[in-house]
Amino acid sequence: MIARVAALVYVATLAAGCAAERGTIGAMLAQRPDGTLFVHSVPPRLAAERAGLRPGDQLLLIDGMDVRRLDDKALIRTLNGEVGSPVRLTVIRGEEVLHVTVKRTAAPPKLRRRAE
């Protein structure tokens, strides 16, 4: 059972009051009480979709850091950054371990306006 579903990528953009040059991985994530992190949804035309992430993918590592050891603020800091900058993810999909590099994209304009 998923304890919470958080648009960590989008929440981070809003919380930081980011300008347009700040980017996200462009995915909605879900986290279980044990800290495991999953891709909940992948909006079209954003970084996660371009990198091939799929709903249900489990994130193990973000830039080499175990996601179970990161609190919400650390996850947000790790996932957000400059547009075009890379984020290295280690992902489990079914029985495969995948190494995916996501190049951050700008947050959708609707969400950037809310942050201003």
N, C-alpha and C. Protein backbone atom coordinates (compact mmCIF):
# COMPACT_ATOMS: atom_id res chain seq x y z
N MET A 1 0.85 -1.17 0.00
CA MET A 1 0.00 0.00 0.00
C MET A 1 0.90 1.24 0.00
N ILE A 2 0.63 2.15 -0.87
CA ILE A 2 1.42 3.36 -0.96
C ILE A 2 0.91 4.34 0.08
N ALA A 3 1.81 4.83 0.92
CA ALA A 3 1.44 5.74 1.99
C ALA A 3 1.09 7.12 1.48
N ARG A 4 1.76 7.54 0.45
CA ARG A 4 1.49 8.88 -0.08
C ARG A 4 1.93 8.92 -1.53
N VAL A 5 1.29 9.75 -2.27
CA VAL A 5 1.70 10.00 -3.64
C VAL A 5 2.05 11.47 -3.69
N ALA A 6 3.27 11.76 -4.08
CA ALA A 6 3.74 13.15 -4.07
C ALA A 6 4.32 13.50 -5.42
N ALA A 7 3.90 14.61 -5.93
CA ALA A 7 4.51 15.12 -7.15
C ALA A 7 5.78 15.83 -6.75
N LEU A 8 6.74 15.07 -6.27
CA LEU A 8 7.96 15.65 -5.72
C LEU A 8 8.63 16.59 -6.69
N VAL A 9 8.61 16.23 -7.94
CA VAL A 9 9.26 17.07 -8.94
C VAL A 9 8.54 18.41 -9.04
N TYR A 10 7.23 18.39 -9.09
CA TYR A 10 6.47 19.62 -9.23
C TYR A 10 6.44 20.39 -7.93
N VAL A 11 6.27 19.71 -6.82
CA VAL A 11 6.26 20.38 -5.52
C VAL A 11 7.56 21.14 -5.32
N ALA A 12 8.65 20.53 -5.70
CA ALA A 12 9.95 21.19 -5.54
C ALA A 12 10.01 22.48 -6.33
N THR A 13 9.49 22.45 -7.52
CA THR A 13 9.51 23.65 -8.35
C THR A 13 8.71 24.76 -7.69
N LEU A 14 7.55 24.40 -7.14
CA LEU A 14 6.72 25.40 -6.48
C LEU A 14 7.36 25.89 -5.19
N ALA A 15 7.87 24.98 -4.39
CA ALA A 15 8.42 25.34 -3.09
C ALA A 15 9.64 26.24 -3.22
N ALA A 16 10.43 25.99 -4.24
CA ALA A 16 11.65 26.76 -4.41
C ALA A 16 11.39 28.11 -5.07
N GLY A 17 10.19 28.30 -5.60
CA GLY A 17 9.92 29.54 -6.32
C GLY A 17 10.86 29.69 -7.49
N CYS A 18 11.11 28.61 -8.19
CA CYS A 18 12.12 28.56 -9.24
C CYS A 18 11.78 29.45 -10.42
N ALA A 19 12.79 29.96 -11.02
CA ALA A 19 12.65 30.65 -12.30
C ALA A 19 12.58 29.59 -13.39
N ALA A 20 12.31 30.01 -14.61
CA ALA A 20 12.13 29.08 -15.72
C ALA A 20 13.37 28.23 -15.99
N GLU A 21 14.56 28.67 -15.61
CA GLU A 21 15.77 27.90 -15.91
C GLU A 21 15.95 26.70 -14.99
N ARG A 22 15.13 26.57 -13.96
CA ARG A 22 15.18 25.40 -13.09
C ARG A 22 14.42 24.27 -13.75
N GLY A 23 14.92 23.07 -13.60
CA GLY A 23 14.30 21.93 -14.24
C GLY A 23 13.98 20.81 -13.28
N THR A 24 13.19 19.86 -13.76
CA THR A 24 12.78 18.70 -13.00
C THR A 24 12.96 17.46 -13.86
N ILE A 25 12.81 16.29 -13.24
CA ILE A 25 12.84 15.06 -14.04
C ILE A 25 11.49 14.81 -14.69
N GLY A 26 10.46 15.54 -14.30
CA GLY A 26 9.17 15.44 -14.97
C GLY A 26 8.44 14.14 -14.73
N ALA A 27 8.37 13.69 -13.47
CA ALA A 27 7.63 12.48 -13.14
C ALA A 27 6.91 12.69 -11.82
N MET A 28 5.79 12.03 -11.66
CA MET A 28 5.10 12.00 -10.38
C MET A 28 5.59 10.73 -9.69
N LEU A 29 5.95 10.86 -8.42
CA LEU A 29 6.54 9.74 -7.69
C LEU A 29 5.66 9.35 -6.50
N ALA A 30 5.75 8.08 -6.12
CA ALA A 30 5.04 7.57 -4.95
C ALA A 30 6.07 6.93 -4.02
N GLN A 31 5.89 7.12 -2.73
CA GLN A 31 6.83 6.55 -1.77
C GLN A 31 6.09 5.74 -0.72
N ARG A 32 6.58 4.54 -0.47
CA ARG A 32 6.00 3.66 0.55
C ARG A 32 6.60 4.00 1.91
N PRO A 33 5.96 3.54 2.99
CA PRO A 33 6.49 3.81 4.33
C PRO A 33 7.93 3.33 4.54
N ASP A 34 8.33 2.27 3.83
CA ASP A 34 9.70 1.77 3.99
C ASP A 34 10.71 2.59 3.19
N GLY A 35 10.24 3.63 2.49
CA GLY A 35 11.13 4.52 1.76
C GLY A 35 11.30 4.18 0.29
N THR A 36 10.79 3.03 -0.16
CA THR A 36 10.93 2.71 -1.58
C THR A 36 10.16 3.73 -2.41
N LEU A 37 10.74 4.09 -3.52
CA LEU A 37 10.23 5.17 -4.36
C LEU A 37 9.90 4.61 -5.74
N PHE A 38 8.69 4.92 -6.22
CA PHE A 38 8.22 4.42 -7.50
C PHE A 38 7.79 5.56 -8.39
N VAL A 39 7.87 5.34 -9.69
CA VAL A 39 7.30 6.27 -10.66
C VAL A 39 5.79 6.01 -10.66
N HIS A 40 5.02 7.02 -10.32
CA HIS A 40 3.56 6.90 -10.30
C HIS A 40 2.99 7.21 -11.68
N SER A 41 3.46 8.30 -12.30
CA SER A 41 3.02 8.63 -13.64
C SER A 41 4.11 9.44 -14.34
N VAL A 42 4.04 9.44 -15.67
CA VAL A 42 5.03 10.10 -16.50
C VAL A 42 4.29 11.01 -17.48
N PRO A 43 4.18 12.30 -17.15
CA PRO A 43 3.49 13.22 -18.06
C PRO A 43 4.22 13.30 -19.41
N PRO A 44 3.45 13.50 -20.47
CA PRO A 44 4.06 13.55 -21.81
C PRO A 44 4.99 14.76 -21.99
N ARG A 45 5.99 14.56 -22.84
CA ARG A 45 6.91 15.60 -23.30
C ARG A 45 7.86 16.13 -22.23
N LEU A 46 7.96 15.48 -21.08
CA LEU A 46 8.92 15.91 -20.06
C LEU A 46 10.07 14.92 -19.99
N ALA A 47 11.06 15.23 -19.18
CA ALA A 47 12.32 14.48 -19.14
C ALA A 47 12.13 12.98 -18.88
N ALA A 48 11.29 12.63 -17.93
CA ALA A 48 11.12 11.20 -17.59
C ALA A 48 10.62 10.41 -18.79
N GLU A 49 9.67 10.96 -19.51
CA GLU A 49 9.16 10.26 -20.70
C GLU A 49 10.26 10.13 -21.75
N ARG A 50 11.00 11.20 -21.98
CA ARG A 50 12.08 11.17 -22.97
C ARG A 50 13.14 10.14 -22.63
N ALA A 51 13.37 9.93 -21.32
CA ALA A 51 14.39 8.97 -20.88
C ALA A 51 13.86 7.54 -20.85
N GLY A 52 12.55 7.37 -21.06
CA GLY A 52 11.99 6.03 -21.10
C GLY A 52 11.49 5.50 -19.77
N LEU A 53 11.36 6.36 -18.75
CA LEU A 53 10.81 5.90 -17.48
C LEU A 53 9.35 5.54 -17.66
N ARG A 54 8.89 4.57 -16.86
CA ARG A 54 7.51 4.09 -16.96
C ARG A 54 6.88 4.03 -15.58
N PRO A 55 5.56 4.20 -15.52
CA PRO A 55 4.88 3.98 -14.23
C PRO A 55 5.20 2.59 -13.71
N GLY A 56 5.47 2.51 -12.42
CA GLY A 56 5.83 1.23 -11.80
C GLY A 56 7.32 1.03 -11.65
N ASP A 57 8.14 1.79 -12.39
CA ASP A 57 9.60 1.68 -12.20
C ASP A 57 9.93 2.05 -10.76
N GLN A 58 10.80 1.26 -10.14
CA GLN A 58 11.24 1.55 -8.77
C GLN A 58 12.59 2.24 -8.83
N LEU A 59 12.71 3.39 -8.19
CA LEU A 59 13.98 4.11 -8.13
C LEU A 59 14.77 3.60 -6.94
N LEU A 60 15.98 3.12 -7.20
CA LEU A 60 16.87 2.67 -6.14
C LEU A 60 17.85 3.75 -5.73
N LEU A 61 18.49 4.33 -6.75
CA LEU A 61 19.53 5.34 -6.51
C LEU A 61 19.27 6.56 -7.39
N ILE A 62 19.54 7.72 -6.82
CA ILE A 62 19.54 8.98 -7.57
C ILE A 62 20.92 9.56 -7.43
N ASP A 63 21.62 9.67 -8.53
CA ASP A 63 23.02 10.13 -8.51
C ASP A 63 23.84 9.38 -7.45
N GLY A 64 23.62 8.08 -7.39
CA GLY A 64 24.38 7.22 -6.48
C GLY A 64 23.90 7.20 -5.04
N MET A 65 22.86 7.97 -4.72
CA MET A 65 22.36 8.01 -3.34
C MET A 65 21.13 7.12 -3.19
N ASP A 66 21.12 6.30 -2.14
CA ASP A 66 20.00 5.41 -1.84
C ASP A 66 18.77 6.25 -1.50
N VAL A 67 17.70 6.09 -2.27
CA VAL A 67 16.50 6.92 -2.06
C VAL A 67 15.87 6.69 -0.69
N ARG A 68 16.07 5.52 -0.10
CA ARG A 68 15.47 5.24 1.22
C ARG A 68 16.09 6.09 2.32
N ARG A 69 17.25 6.65 2.06
CA ARG A 69 17.93 7.48 3.07
C ARG A 69 17.68 8.97 2.87
N LEU A 70 16.88 9.32 1.86
CA LEU A 70 16.62 10.73 1.56
C LEU A 70 15.24 11.13 2.05
N ASP A 71 15.17 12.23 2.80
CA ASP A 71 13.85 12.75 3.18
C ASP A 71 13.29 13.56 2.01
N ASP A 72 12.07 14.08 2.17
CA ASP A 72 11.43 14.81 1.07
C ASP A 72 12.29 15.96 0.55
N LYS A 73 12.85 16.74 1.46
CA LYS A 73 13.65 17.89 1.03
C LYS A 73 14.88 17.46 0.25
N ALA A 74 15.53 16.39 0.70
CA ALA A 74 16.71 15.89 -0.01
C ALA A 74 16.32 15.34 -1.38
N LEU A 75 15.18 14.66 -1.46
CA LEU A 75 14.71 14.17 -2.76
C LEU A 75 14.48 15.33 -3.72
N ILE A 76 13.84 16.37 -3.23
CA ILE A 76 13.55 17.54 -4.06
C ILE A 76 14.86 18.17 -4.55
N ARG A 77 15.80 18.37 -3.64
CA ARG A 77 17.09 18.96 -4.02
C ARG A 77 17.81 18.10 -5.05
N THR A 78 17.72 16.79 -4.88
CA THR A 78 18.42 15.87 -5.77
C THR A 78 17.78 15.80 -7.15
N LEU A 79 16.46 15.86 -7.20
CA LEU A 79 15.75 15.72 -8.47
C LEU A 79 15.70 17.01 -9.27
N ASN A 80 15.77 18.14 -8.63
CA ASN A 80 15.70 19.42 -9.34
C ASN A 80 17.08 19.98 -9.60
N GLY A 81 17.18 20.79 -10.63
CA GLY A 81 18.45 21.42 -10.98
C GLY A 81 18.27 22.22 -12.26
N GLU A 82 19.35 22.57 -12.88
CA GLU A 82 19.29 23.36 -14.11
C GLU A 82 18.71 22.55 -15.25
N VAL A 83 17.91 23.22 -16.07
CA VAL A 83 17.36 22.58 -17.26
C VAL A 83 18.52 22.04 -18.10
N GLY A 84 18.38 20.81 -18.55
CA GLY A 84 19.41 20.18 -19.37
C GLY A 84 20.47 19.44 -18.59
N SER A 85 20.55 19.66 -17.28
CA SER A 85 21.55 18.95 -16.49
C SER A 85 21.08 17.51 -16.23
N PRO A 86 22.04 16.57 -16.14
CA PRO A 86 21.66 15.16 -16.02
C PRO A 86 21.41 14.72 -14.58
N VAL A 87 20.55 13.73 -14.45
CA VAL A 87 20.32 13.02 -13.19
C VAL A 87 20.48 11.54 -13.53
N ARG A 88 21.36 10.87 -12.79
CA ARG A 88 21.58 9.43 -13.03
C ARG A 88 20.67 8.64 -12.09
N LEU A 89 19.87 7.76 -12.66
CA LEU A 89 18.96 6.94 -11.87
C LEU A 89 19.29 5.47 -12.05
N THR A 90 19.21 4.73 -10.95
CA THR A 90 19.26 3.27 -11.01
C THR A 90 17.85 2.81 -10.69
N VAL A 91 17.27 2.05 -11.62
CA VAL A 91 15.86 1.72 -11.60
C VAL A 91 15.68 0.21 -11.71
N ILE A 92 14.67 -0.31 -11.00
CA ILE A 92 14.27 -1.70 -11.19
C ILE A 92 12.97 -1.69 -11.98
N ARG A 93 12.97 -2.44 -13.07
CA ARG A 93 11.76 -2.63 -13.89
C ARG A 93 11.59 -4.13 -14.06
N GLY A 94 10.59 -4.66 -13.38
CA GLY A 94 10.41 -6.11 -13.41
C GLY A 94 11.61 -6.76 -12.74
N GLU A 95 12.34 -7.56 -13.50
CA GLU A 95 13.52 -8.24 -12.95
C GLU A 95 14.83 -7.61 -13.43
N GLU A 96 14.71 -6.50 -14.16
CA GLU A 96 15.89 -5.83 -14.71
C GLU A 96 16.32 -4.66 -13.84
N VAL A 97 17.61 -4.45 -13.76
CA VAL A 97 18.17 -3.24 -13.17
C VAL A 97 18.65 -2.38 -14.32
N LEU A 98 18.13 -1.15 -14.38
CA LEU A 98 18.45 -0.25 -15.48
C LEU A 98 19.20 0.97 -14.95
N HIS A 99 20.11 1.47 -15.74
CA HIS A 99 20.81 2.72 -15.44
C HIS A 99 20.34 3.73 -16.48
N VAL A 100 19.65 4.76 -16.00
CA VAL A 100 19.02 5.74 -16.87
C VAL A 100 19.55 7.12 -16.54
N THR A 101 19.88 7.88 -17.56
CA THR A 101 20.25 9.29 -17.35
C THR A 101 19.11 10.14 -17.88
N VAL A 102 18.58 10.99 -17.01
CA VAL A 102 17.48 11.88 -17.36
C VAL A 102 18.05 13.29 -17.45
N LYS A 103 17.77 13.98 -18.54
CA LYS A 103 18.16 15.39 -18.65
C LYS A 103 16.96 16.23 -18.26
N ARG A 104 17.13 17.01 -17.21
CA ARG A 104 16.02 17.79 -16.66
C ARG A 104 15.40 18.70 -17.72
N THR A 105 14.06 18.81 -17.65
CA THR A 105 13.32 19.72 -18.50
C THR A 105 12.67 20.78 -17.61
N ALA A 106 12.27 21.88 -18.23
CA ALA A 106 11.59 22.94 -17.48
C ALA A 106 10.25 22.42 -16.99
N ALA A 107 9.82 22.94 -15.84
CA ALA A 107 8.48 22.61 -15.34
C ALA A 107 7.46 23.17 -16.31
N PRO A 108 6.32 22.52 -16.44
CA PRO A 108 5.28 23.05 -17.33
C PRO A 108 4.93 24.49 -16.97
N PRO A 109 4.63 25.36 -17.95
CA PRO A 109 4.35 26.77 -17.70
C PRO A 109 3.27 27.02 -16.65
N LYS A 110 2.23 26.20 -16.63
CA LYS A 110 1.15 26.34 -15.66
C LYS A 110 1.70 26.29 -14.24
N LEU A 111 2.63 25.37 -13.97
CA LEU A 111 3.20 25.24 -12.63
C LEU A 111 4.20 26.35 -12.33
N ARG A 112 4.94 26.81 -13.35
CA ARG A 112 5.87 27.92 -13.12
C ARG A 112 5.12 29.19 -12.73
N ARG A 113 3.97 29.43 -13.35
CA ARG A 113 3.18 30.63 -13.02
C ARG A 113 2.75 30.61 -11.57
N ARG A 114 2.35 29.43 -11.06
CA ARG A 114 1.93 29.31 -9.66
C ARG A 114 3.06 29.63 -8.70
N ALA A 115 4.31 29.34 -9.12
CA ALA A 115 5.46 29.54 -8.25
C ALA A 115 5.86 31.01 -8.16
N GLU A 116 5.41 31.80 -9.12
CA GLU A 116 5.85 33.22 -9.16
C GLU A 116 5.08 34.07 -8.19
